[in-house]
Amino acid sequence: MEAIFIRRSIRKYKDQPVEKEKIEKLLRAAMQAPSAGNQQPWEFIVVQEKDNLKKLSKMSPYSKFIKDAPVAFVLIANEERMKFPEHWQQDMGAAAQNILLEAVELELGAVWVGVAPLEDRVNYVKNMFNLRETLKPYCVIALGYPAEGQENKFIDRYDETRVHFEKF
């Protein structure tokens, strides 16, 4: 699967909206992720309005580029759906990775911005979207068509010194 090997964190985007059909494909990919006991704790806020993107970009010093993205997804875990609450972050990580890989397939660029478990970021997102206590922000993924010089391309990260057979 080429998308795994060429995916990069893309932080600069063309001034071009992401089509509704592509947004739906990205969300469908997220919801195909494996999940502990099939609990599927995820909820998604799709952010496209420039004012909201600008506000979301102030979440941390590392999220400034969100203001220039055509769309961002806020991934949230819903505690009311959790059968195995100790695994919610793994479930959400799988959903986020599916979005990142599907973005490559759709010729989009994307970058994952961590929210959980950093309390200041969690509270920022909760306050921004007026989330009830049972909704746990996990991450934000900014998406768009990559700007000039920003592309998904292969960089070999394989390091055989990190592979251990049968023992460490």
N, C-alpha and C. Protein backbone atom coordinates (compact mmCIF):
# COMPACT_ATOMS: atom_id res chain seq x y z
N MET A 1 0.85 -1.17 0.00
CA MET A 1 0.00 0.00 0.00
C MET A 1 0.90 1.24 0.00
N GLU A 2 0.96 1.87 -1.10
CA GLU A 2 1.87 3.00 -1.30
C GLU A 2 1.61 4.15 -0.33
N ALA A 3 0.35 4.38 0.04
CA ALA A 3 0.01 5.51 0.91
C ALA A 3 0.79 5.46 2.22
N ILE A 4 1.05 4.28 2.74
CA ILE A 4 1.80 4.16 3.99
C ILE A 4 3.21 4.72 3.82
N PHE A 5 3.80 4.48 2.67
CA PHE A 5 5.20 4.83 2.46
C PHE A 5 5.41 6.28 2.01
N ILE A 6 4.41 6.88 1.39
CA ILE A 6 4.61 8.25 0.90
C ILE A 6 3.97 9.32 1.78
N ARG A 7 3.16 8.91 2.77
CA ARG A 7 2.49 9.87 3.63
C ARG A 7 3.50 10.73 4.37
N ARG A 8 3.28 12.03 4.37
CA ARG A 8 4.09 13.00 5.10
C ARG A 8 3.14 13.95 5.83
N SER A 9 3.64 14.66 6.79
CA SER A 9 2.86 15.71 7.47
C SER A 9 2.89 16.95 6.59
N ILE A 10 1.73 17.32 6.09
CA ILE A 10 1.60 18.47 5.18
C ILE A 10 0.92 19.61 5.95
N ARG A 11 1.62 20.74 6.07
CA ARG A 11 1.14 21.86 6.87
C ARG A 11 0.79 23.11 6.06
N LYS A 12 1.01 23.07 4.74
CA LYS A 12 0.68 24.21 3.88
C LYS A 12 -0.23 23.72 2.77
N TYR A 13 -1.27 24.50 2.51
CA TYR A 13 -2.32 24.05 1.59
C TYR A 13 -2.64 25.13 0.56
N LYS A 14 -3.12 24.65 -0.58
CA LYS A 14 -3.65 25.57 -1.59
C LYS A 14 -4.94 26.18 -1.06
N ASP A 15 -5.29 27.33 -1.58
CA ASP A 15 -6.55 27.96 -1.24
C ASP A 15 -7.64 27.34 -2.11
N GLN A 16 -7.99 26.11 -1.77
CA GLN A 16 -8.93 25.33 -2.56
C GLN A 16 -9.73 24.46 -1.59
N PRO A 17 -11.04 24.55 -1.63
CA PRO A 17 -11.84 23.74 -0.69
C PRO A 17 -11.72 22.25 -0.99
N VAL A 18 -11.90 21.45 0.05
CA VAL A 18 -11.95 20.00 -0.10
C VAL A 18 -13.42 19.64 -0.35
N GLU A 19 -13.63 18.88 -1.41
CA GLU A 19 -14.98 18.53 -1.83
C GLU A 19 -15.71 17.70 -0.76
N LYS A 20 -17.02 17.90 -0.71
CA LYS A 20 -17.88 17.19 0.24
C LYS A 20 -17.71 15.67 0.11
N GLU A 21 -17.57 15.18 -1.11
CA GLU A 21 -17.42 13.75 -1.34
C GLU A 21 -16.12 13.22 -0.72
N LYS A 22 -15.07 14.02 -0.79
CA LYS A 22 -13.79 13.61 -0.20
C LYS A 22 -13.86 13.65 1.32
N ILE A 23 -14.54 14.63 1.86
CA ILE A 23 -14.72 14.70 3.31
C ILE A 23 -15.44 13.46 3.80
N GLU A 24 -16.49 13.07 3.08
CA GLU A 24 -17.22 11.86 3.48
C GLU A 24 -16.34 10.62 3.37
N LYS A 25 -15.54 10.50 2.33
CA LYS A 25 -14.63 9.35 2.20
C LYS A 25 -13.64 9.29 3.36
N LEU A 26 -13.13 10.44 3.76
CA LEU A 26 -12.20 10.49 4.89
C LEU A 26 -12.87 10.03 6.18
N LEU A 27 -14.10 10.47 6.40
CA LEU A 27 -14.83 10.07 7.60
C LEU A 27 -15.21 8.59 7.56
N ARG A 28 -15.55 8.10 6.39
CA ARG A 28 -15.84 6.67 6.24
C ARG A 28 -14.59 5.84 6.54
N ALA A 29 -13.44 6.30 6.07
CA ALA A 29 -12.18 5.60 6.34
C ALA A 29 -11.93 5.56 7.85
N ALA A 30 -12.15 6.68 8.52
CA ALA A 30 -11.94 6.74 9.98
C ALA A 30 -12.81 5.71 10.69
N MET A 31 -14.05 5.60 10.26
CA MET A 31 -14.99 4.72 10.94
C MET A 31 -14.80 3.24 10.60
N GLN A 32 -13.89 2.95 9.69
CA GLN A 32 -13.53 1.56 9.39
C GLN A 32 -12.39 1.07 10.28
N ALA A 33 -11.90 1.91 11.16
CA ALA A 33 -10.76 1.55 12.01
C ALA A 33 -11.13 0.43 12.97
N PRO A 34 -10.12 -0.38 13.33
CA PRO A 34 -10.36 -1.37 14.37
C PRO A 34 -10.61 -0.67 15.70
N SER A 35 -11.32 -1.35 16.58
CA SER A 35 -11.71 -0.74 17.85
C SER A 35 -11.89 -1.84 18.89
N ALA A 36 -11.44 -1.59 20.10
CA ALA A 36 -11.55 -2.57 21.19
C ALA A 36 -13.01 -2.97 21.39
N GLY A 37 -13.28 -4.25 21.24
CA GLY A 37 -14.65 -4.73 21.42
C GLY A 37 -15.63 -4.10 20.47
N ASN A 38 -15.12 -3.54 19.37
CA ASN A 38 -15.94 -2.84 18.39
C ASN A 38 -16.74 -1.70 19.02
N GLN A 39 -16.14 -1.03 20.01
CA GLN A 39 -16.87 0.02 20.71
C GLN A 39 -17.05 1.29 19.89
N GLN A 40 -16.18 1.52 18.92
CA GLN A 40 -16.30 2.68 18.03
C GLN A 40 -16.67 3.96 18.80
N PRO A 41 -15.76 4.45 19.63
CA PRO A 41 -16.10 5.59 20.48
C PRO A 41 -16.10 6.94 19.77
N TRP A 42 -15.79 6.95 18.49
CA TRP A 42 -15.50 8.21 17.81
C TRP A 42 -16.71 9.07 17.47
N GLU A 43 -16.44 10.36 17.50
CA GLU A 43 -17.31 11.42 17.00
C GLU A 43 -16.37 12.38 16.27
N PHE A 44 -16.90 13.11 15.29
CA PHE A 44 -16.06 14.00 14.49
C PHE A 44 -16.74 15.35 14.32
N ILE A 45 -15.98 16.41 14.52
CA ILE A 45 -16.47 17.75 14.19
C ILE A 45 -15.69 18.17 12.95
N VAL A 46 -16.40 18.49 11.88
CA VAL A 46 -15.79 18.97 10.64
C VAL A 46 -15.82 20.49 10.69
N VAL A 47 -14.63 21.10 10.63
CA VAL A 47 -14.51 22.55 10.76
C VAL A 47 -14.06 23.11 9.41
N GLN A 48 -14.89 23.99 8.82
CA GLN A 48 -14.58 24.60 7.53
C GLN A 48 -14.66 26.12 7.55
N GLU A 49 -15.39 26.68 8.48
CA GLU A 49 -15.53 28.13 8.54
C GLU A 49 -14.22 28.76 8.99
N LYS A 50 -13.78 29.77 8.25
CA LYS A 50 -12.48 30.40 8.50
C LYS A 50 -12.33 30.91 9.93
N ASP A 51 -13.39 31.49 10.49
CA ASP A 51 -13.30 31.99 11.88
C ASP A 51 -13.03 30.85 12.85
N ASN A 52 -13.69 29.71 12.64
CA ASN A 52 -13.49 28.57 13.52
C ASN A 52 -12.11 27.93 13.32
N LEU A 53 -11.63 27.90 12.08
CA LEU A 53 -10.29 27.38 11.83
C LEU A 53 -9.24 28.27 12.51
N LYS A 54 -9.46 29.58 12.42
CA LYS A 54 -8.53 30.52 13.05
C LYS A 54 -8.54 30.34 14.57
N LYS A 55 -9.71 30.19 15.15
CA LYS A 55 -9.80 29.98 16.59
C LYS A 55 -9.15 28.65 16.99
N LEU A 56 -9.38 27.61 16.22
CA LEU A 56 -8.80 26.30 16.50
C LEU A 56 -7.28 26.34 16.39
N SER A 57 -6.77 27.19 15.51
CA SER A 57 -5.32 27.29 15.32
C SER A 57 -4.61 27.87 16.54
N LYS A 58 -5.36 28.45 17.45
CA LYS A 58 -4.78 29.03 18.66
C LYS A 58 -4.71 28.04 19.82
N MET A 59 -5.02 26.79 19.54
CA MET A 59 -5.04 25.76 20.57
C MET A 59 -3.66 25.55 21.19
N SER A 60 -2.62 25.65 20.38
CA SER A 60 -1.25 25.43 20.88
C SER A 60 -0.26 26.15 19.97
N PRO A 61 0.99 26.25 20.38
CA PRO A 61 2.00 26.88 19.51
C PRO A 61 2.26 26.06 18.24
N TYR A 62 1.83 24.80 18.23
CA TYR A 62 2.09 23.90 17.11
C TYR A 62 0.89 23.74 16.18
N SER A 63 -0.14 24.54 16.37
CA SER A 63 -1.35 24.39 15.57
C SER A 63 -1.67 25.61 14.72
N LYS A 64 -0.74 26.53 14.61
CA LYS A 64 -1.00 27.80 13.90
C LYS A 64 -1.43 27.60 12.45
N PHE A 65 -0.88 26.61 11.78
CA PHE A 65 -1.18 26.37 10.36
C PHE A 65 -2.63 25.98 10.10
N ILE A 66 -3.35 25.57 11.14
CA ILE A 66 -4.75 25.17 10.96
C ILE A 66 -5.57 26.30 10.37
N LYS A 67 -5.21 27.55 10.68
CA LYS A 67 -5.98 28.69 10.18
C LYS A 67 -6.00 28.76 8.66
N ASP A 68 -4.99 28.20 8.00
CA ASP A 68 -4.91 28.24 6.54
C ASP A 68 -5.37 26.95 5.86
N ALA A 69 -5.81 25.99 6.65
CA ALA A 69 -6.32 24.73 6.07
C ALA A 69 -7.76 24.94 5.61
N PRO A 70 -8.14 24.29 4.51
CA PRO A 70 -9.54 24.39 4.08
C PRO A 70 -10.50 23.67 5.01
N VAL A 71 -10.00 22.63 5.70
CA VAL A 71 -10.86 21.85 6.59
C VAL A 71 -10.00 21.21 7.68
N ALA A 72 -10.60 21.07 8.84
CA ALA A 72 -9.96 20.33 9.93
C ALA A 72 -11.00 19.43 10.56
N PHE A 73 -10.55 18.27 10.99
CA PHE A 73 -11.41 17.34 11.72
C PHE A 73 -10.97 17.35 13.18
N VAL A 74 -11.92 17.45 14.07
CA VAL A 74 -11.65 17.29 15.49
C VAL A 74 -12.17 15.90 15.86
N LEU A 75 -11.27 15.04 16.32
CA LEU A 75 -11.63 13.68 16.68
C LEU A 75 -11.90 13.63 18.18
N ILE A 76 -13.05 13.10 18.53
CA ILE A 76 -13.52 13.09 19.91
C ILE A 76 -13.99 11.68 20.26
N ALA A 77 -13.64 11.23 21.46
CA ALA A 77 -14.12 9.94 21.95
C ALA A 77 -15.32 10.18 22.86
N ASN A 78 -16.35 9.41 22.65
CA ASN A 78 -17.58 9.52 23.42
C ASN A 78 -17.58 8.43 24.50
N GLU A 79 -17.42 8.82 25.76
CA GLU A 79 -17.38 7.86 26.86
C GLU A 79 -18.64 7.01 26.95
N GLU A 80 -19.75 7.52 26.49
CA GLU A 80 -21.01 6.78 26.56
C GLU A 80 -21.01 5.55 25.67
N ARG A 81 -20.08 5.48 24.72
CA ARG A 81 -19.99 4.33 23.82
C ARG A 81 -18.91 3.33 24.25
N MET A 82 -18.19 3.65 25.29
CA MET A 82 -17.02 2.84 25.65
C MET A 82 -17.39 1.62 26.48
N LYS A 83 -17.04 0.45 25.94
CA LYS A 83 -17.13 -0.81 26.68
C LYS A 83 -15.80 -1.10 27.36
N PHE A 84 -14.72 -0.62 26.74
CA PHE A 84 -13.37 -0.83 27.23
C PHE A 84 -12.67 0.54 27.29
N PRO A 85 -12.99 1.34 28.30
CA PRO A 85 -12.48 2.72 28.34
C PRO A 85 -10.96 2.83 28.39
N GLU A 86 -10.28 1.79 28.84
CA GLU A 86 -8.83 1.85 28.89
C GLU A 86 -8.18 1.82 27.50
N HIS A 87 -8.98 1.56 26.45
CA HIS A 87 -8.44 1.45 25.10
C HIS A 87 -8.90 2.57 24.16
N TRP A 88 -9.56 3.60 24.68
CA TRP A 88 -10.11 4.62 23.79
C TRP A 88 -9.05 5.32 22.96
N GLN A 89 -7.87 5.58 23.52
CA GLN A 89 -6.85 6.29 22.76
C GLN A 89 -6.31 5.43 21.62
N GLN A 90 -6.24 4.13 21.82
CA GLN A 90 -5.82 3.24 20.73
C GLN A 90 -6.85 3.26 19.60
N ASP A 91 -8.12 3.20 19.97
CA ASP A 91 -9.19 3.26 18.96
C ASP A 91 -9.11 4.55 18.16
N MET A 92 -8.92 5.67 18.85
CA MET A 92 -8.89 6.96 18.19
C MET A 92 -7.64 7.11 17.33
N GLY A 93 -6.53 6.53 17.78
CA GLY A 93 -5.30 6.57 16.99
C GLY A 93 -5.46 5.82 15.68
N ALA A 94 -6.16 4.69 15.73
CA ALA A 94 -6.41 3.93 14.50
C ALA A 94 -7.30 4.72 13.54
N ALA A 95 -8.31 5.39 14.07
CA ALA A 95 -9.20 6.21 13.23
C ALA A 95 -8.43 7.37 12.60
N ALA A 96 -7.56 8.00 13.39
CA ALA A 96 -6.75 9.12 12.88
C ALA A 96 -5.82 8.64 11.76
N GLN A 97 -5.17 7.51 11.97
CA GLN A 97 -4.27 6.98 10.95
C GLN A 97 -5.02 6.66 9.66
N ASN A 98 -6.22 6.12 9.78
CA ASN A 98 -7.02 5.85 8.58
C ASN A 98 -7.31 7.13 7.80
N ILE A 99 -7.60 8.21 8.51
CA ILE A 99 -7.83 9.50 7.84
C ILE A 99 -6.58 9.94 7.10
N LEU A 100 -5.43 9.86 7.76
CA LEU A 100 -4.18 10.29 7.15
C LEU A 100 -3.86 9.48 5.89
N LEU A 101 -4.09 8.19 5.92
CA LEU A 101 -3.81 7.35 4.76
C LEU A 101 -4.82 7.58 3.64
N GLU A 102 -6.07 7.75 3.99
CA GLU A 102 -7.08 8.03 2.96
C GLU A 102 -6.82 9.39 2.31
N ALA A 103 -6.32 10.35 3.09
CA ALA A 103 -5.99 11.66 2.52
C ALA A 103 -4.97 11.51 1.40
N VAL A 104 -3.97 10.66 1.59
CA VAL A 104 -2.97 10.42 0.54
C VAL A 104 -3.65 9.85 -0.70
N GLU A 105 -4.53 8.87 -0.50
CA GLU A 105 -5.24 8.26 -1.62
C GLU A 105 -6.07 9.28 -2.40
N LEU A 106 -6.56 10.30 -1.70
CA LEU A 106 -7.40 11.34 -2.32
C LEU A 106 -6.59 12.54 -2.80
N GLU A 107 -5.25 12.39 -2.81
CA GLU A 107 -4.33 13.44 -3.25
C GLU A 107 -4.41 14.70 -2.38
N LEU A 108 -4.67 14.48 -1.11
CA LEU A 108 -4.72 15.56 -0.14
C LEU A 108 -3.50 15.48 0.76
N GLY A 109 -3.23 16.57 1.44
CA GLY A 109 -2.21 16.60 2.47
C GLY A 109 -2.90 16.72 3.81
N ALA A 110 -2.27 16.17 4.84
CA ALA A 110 -2.88 16.21 6.17
C ALA A 110 -1.79 16.18 7.23
N VAL A 111 -2.15 16.66 8.40
CA VAL A 111 -1.24 16.57 9.55
C VAL A 111 -2.08 16.40 10.81
N TRP A 112 -1.57 15.58 11.69
CA TRP A 112 -2.19 15.25 12.97
C TRP A 112 -1.63 16.19 14.02
N VAL A 113 -2.51 16.86 14.76
CA VAL A 113 -2.10 17.72 15.87
C VAL A 113 -2.66 17.09 17.15
N GLY A 114 -1.76 16.71 18.04
CA GLY A 114 -2.18 16.06 19.27
C GLY A 114 -2.96 16.99 20.19
N VAL A 115 -3.98 16.44 20.82
CA VAL A 115 -4.74 17.14 21.84
C VAL A 115 -4.58 16.37 23.16
N ALA A 116 -5.17 15.17 23.25
CA ALA A 116 -5.03 14.34 24.45
C ALA A 116 -3.61 13.81 24.53
N PRO A 117 -3.09 13.68 25.70
CA PRO A 117 -3.69 13.90 27.03
C PRO A 117 -3.37 15.27 27.62
N LEU A 118 -2.95 16.22 26.80
CA LEU A 118 -2.54 17.53 27.32
C LEU A 118 -3.76 18.34 27.77
N GLU A 119 -3.86 18.55 29.06
CA GLU A 119 -5.05 19.14 29.66
C GLU A 119 -5.40 20.51 29.10
N ASP A 120 -4.39 21.36 28.83
CA ASP A 120 -4.70 22.68 28.30
C ASP A 120 -5.35 22.60 26.92
N ARG A 121 -4.86 21.69 26.08
CA ARG A 121 -5.45 21.52 24.74
C ARG A 121 -6.83 20.88 24.82
N VAL A 122 -6.96 19.87 25.68
CA VAL A 122 -8.27 19.22 25.87
C VAL A 122 -9.29 20.27 26.29
N ASN A 123 -8.95 21.07 27.27
CA ASN A 123 -9.88 22.10 27.76
C ASN A 123 -10.18 23.15 26.71
N TYR A 124 -9.17 23.52 25.91
CA TYR A 124 -9.38 24.49 24.84
C TYR A 124 -10.45 23.99 23.86
N VAL A 125 -10.29 22.74 23.42
CA VAL A 125 -11.24 22.16 22.46
C VAL A 125 -12.62 21.99 23.11
N LYS A 126 -12.64 21.52 24.34
CA LYS A 126 -13.93 21.35 25.03
C LYS A 126 -14.67 22.69 25.12
N ASN A 127 -13.94 23.75 25.49
CA ASN A 127 -14.56 25.07 25.61
C ASN A 127 -14.98 25.63 24.26
N MET A 128 -14.13 25.45 23.26
CA MET A 128 -14.44 26.00 21.94
C MET A 128 -15.73 25.42 21.38
N PHE A 129 -15.93 24.12 21.58
CA PHE A 129 -17.10 23.45 21.01
C PHE A 129 -18.18 23.14 22.04
N ASN A 130 -18.00 23.66 23.25
CA ASN A 130 -18.99 23.48 24.31
C ASN A 130 -19.35 21.99 24.48
N LEU A 131 -18.31 21.17 24.64
CA LEU A 131 -18.50 19.73 24.73
C LEU A 131 -18.90 19.32 26.14
N ARG A 132 -19.83 18.39 26.22
CA ARG A 132 -20.21 17.87 27.53
C ARG A 132 -19.07 17.01 28.09
N GLU A 133 -19.13 16.72 29.36
CA GLU A 133 -18.05 16.05 30.08
C GLU A 133 -17.72 14.67 29.51
N THR A 134 -18.66 13.99 28.92
CA THR A 134 -18.45 12.62 28.41
C THR A 134 -17.76 12.59 27.05
N LEU A 135 -17.45 13.75 26.48
CA LEU A 135 -16.77 13.82 25.18
C LEU A 135 -15.31 14.22 25.41
N LYS A 136 -14.40 13.37 24.93
CA LYS A 136 -12.97 13.55 25.18
C LYS A 136 -12.25 13.89 23.88
N PRO A 137 -11.79 15.13 23.69
CA PRO A 137 -11.03 15.47 22.49
C PRO A 137 -9.74 14.66 22.43
N TYR A 138 -9.44 14.14 21.24
CA TYR A 138 -8.25 13.32 21.06
C TYR A 138 -7.20 14.02 20.21
N CYS A 139 -7.59 14.50 19.02
CA CYS A 139 -6.65 15.18 18.14
C CYS A 139 -7.41 16.03 17.14
N VAL A 140 -6.64 16.83 16.40
CA VAL A 140 -7.17 17.61 15.28
C VAL A 140 -6.35 17.20 14.07
N ILE A 141 -7.02 17.00 12.94
CA ILE A 141 -6.33 16.72 11.69
C ILE A 141 -6.68 17.81 10.70
N ALA A 142 -5.66 18.57 10.29
CA ALA A 142 -5.84 19.60 9.26
C ALA A 142 -5.66 18.94 7.90
N LEU A 143 -6.49 19.33 6.94
CA LEU A 143 -6.47 18.72 5.61
C LEU A 143 -6.63 19.75 4.52
N GLY A 144 -6.05 19.43 3.36
CA GLY A 144 -6.23 20.28 2.20
C GLY A 144 -5.36 19.79 1.06
N TYR A 145 -5.47 20.47 -0.06
CA TYR A 145 -4.61 20.16 -1.21
C TYR A 145 -3.22 20.74 -0.91
N PRO A 146 -2.18 19.94 -1.00
CA PRO A 146 -0.84 20.42 -0.65
C PRO A 146 -0.42 21.62 -1.49
N ALA A 147 0.17 22.61 -0.83
CA ALA A 147 0.72 23.78 -1.52
C ALA A 147 1.98 23.37 -2.29
N GLU A 148 2.40 24.25 -3.16
CA GLU A 148 3.63 24.04 -3.94
C GLU A 148 4.79 23.67 -3.02
N GLY A 149 5.51 22.62 -3.36
CA GLY A 149 6.65 22.19 -2.56
C GLY A 149 6.30 21.30 -1.39
N GLN A 150 5.02 21.09 -1.18
CA GLN A 150 4.53 20.23 -0.10
C GLN A 150 3.90 19.00 -0.76
N GLU A 151 4.54 17.89 -0.67
CA GLU A 151 3.91 16.72 -1.27
C GLU A 151 4.17 15.48 -0.45
N ASN A 152 3.31 14.52 -0.63
CA ASN A 152 3.50 13.21 -0.04
C ASN A 152 4.54 12.51 -0.90
N LYS A 153 5.65 12.10 -0.28
CA LYS A 153 6.71 11.44 -1.04
C LYS A 153 7.44 10.47 -0.14
N PHE A 154 8.06 9.49 -0.74
CA PHE A 154 8.76 8.46 0.00
C PHE A 154 10.05 8.98 0.62
N ILE A 155 10.21 8.70 1.91
CA ILE A 155 11.45 8.91 2.65
C ILE A 155 11.65 7.62 3.44
N ASP A 156 12.73 6.93 3.19
CA ASP A 156 12.96 5.63 3.82
C ASP A 156 13.29 5.79 5.30
N ARG A 157 12.44 5.28 6.14
CA ARG A 157 12.63 5.36 7.59
C ARG A 157 13.00 4.01 8.21
N TYR A 158 13.15 3.00 7.38
CA TYR A 158 13.44 1.67 7.91
C TYR A 158 14.81 1.66 8.58
N ASP A 159 14.86 1.10 9.79
CA ASP A 159 16.10 1.01 10.56
C ASP A 159 16.19 -0.39 11.14
N GLU A 160 16.99 -1.21 10.52
CA GLU A 160 17.07 -2.61 10.94
C GLU A 160 17.61 -2.77 12.35
N THR A 161 18.29 -1.77 12.90
CA THR A 161 18.80 -1.87 14.27
C THR A 161 17.68 -1.83 15.30
N ARG A 162 16.48 -1.48 14.87
CA ARG A 162 15.33 -1.44 15.79
C ARG A 162 14.48 -2.70 15.72
N VAL A 163 14.92 -3.68 14.97
CA VAL A 163 14.17 -4.93 14.82
C VAL A 163 14.86 -6.00 15.66
N HIS A 164 14.09 -6.67 16.48
CA HIS A 164 14.63 -7.69 17.40
C HIS A 164 13.82 -8.97 17.25
N PHE A 165 14.46 -10.06 16.98
CA PHE A 165 13.78 -11.34 16.82
C PHE A 165 13.92 -12.16 18.10
N GLU A 166 12.78 -12.52 18.65
CA GLU A 166 12.68 -13.41 19.80
C GLU A 166 13.16 -12.82 21.12
N LYS A 167 14.02 -11.85 21.11
CA LYS A 167 14.50 -11.22 22.35
C LYS A 167 15.01 -9.82 22.04
N PHE A 168 15.13 -9.02 23.06
CA PHE A 168 15.64 -7.67 22.87
C PHE A 168 17.14 -7.66 23.07
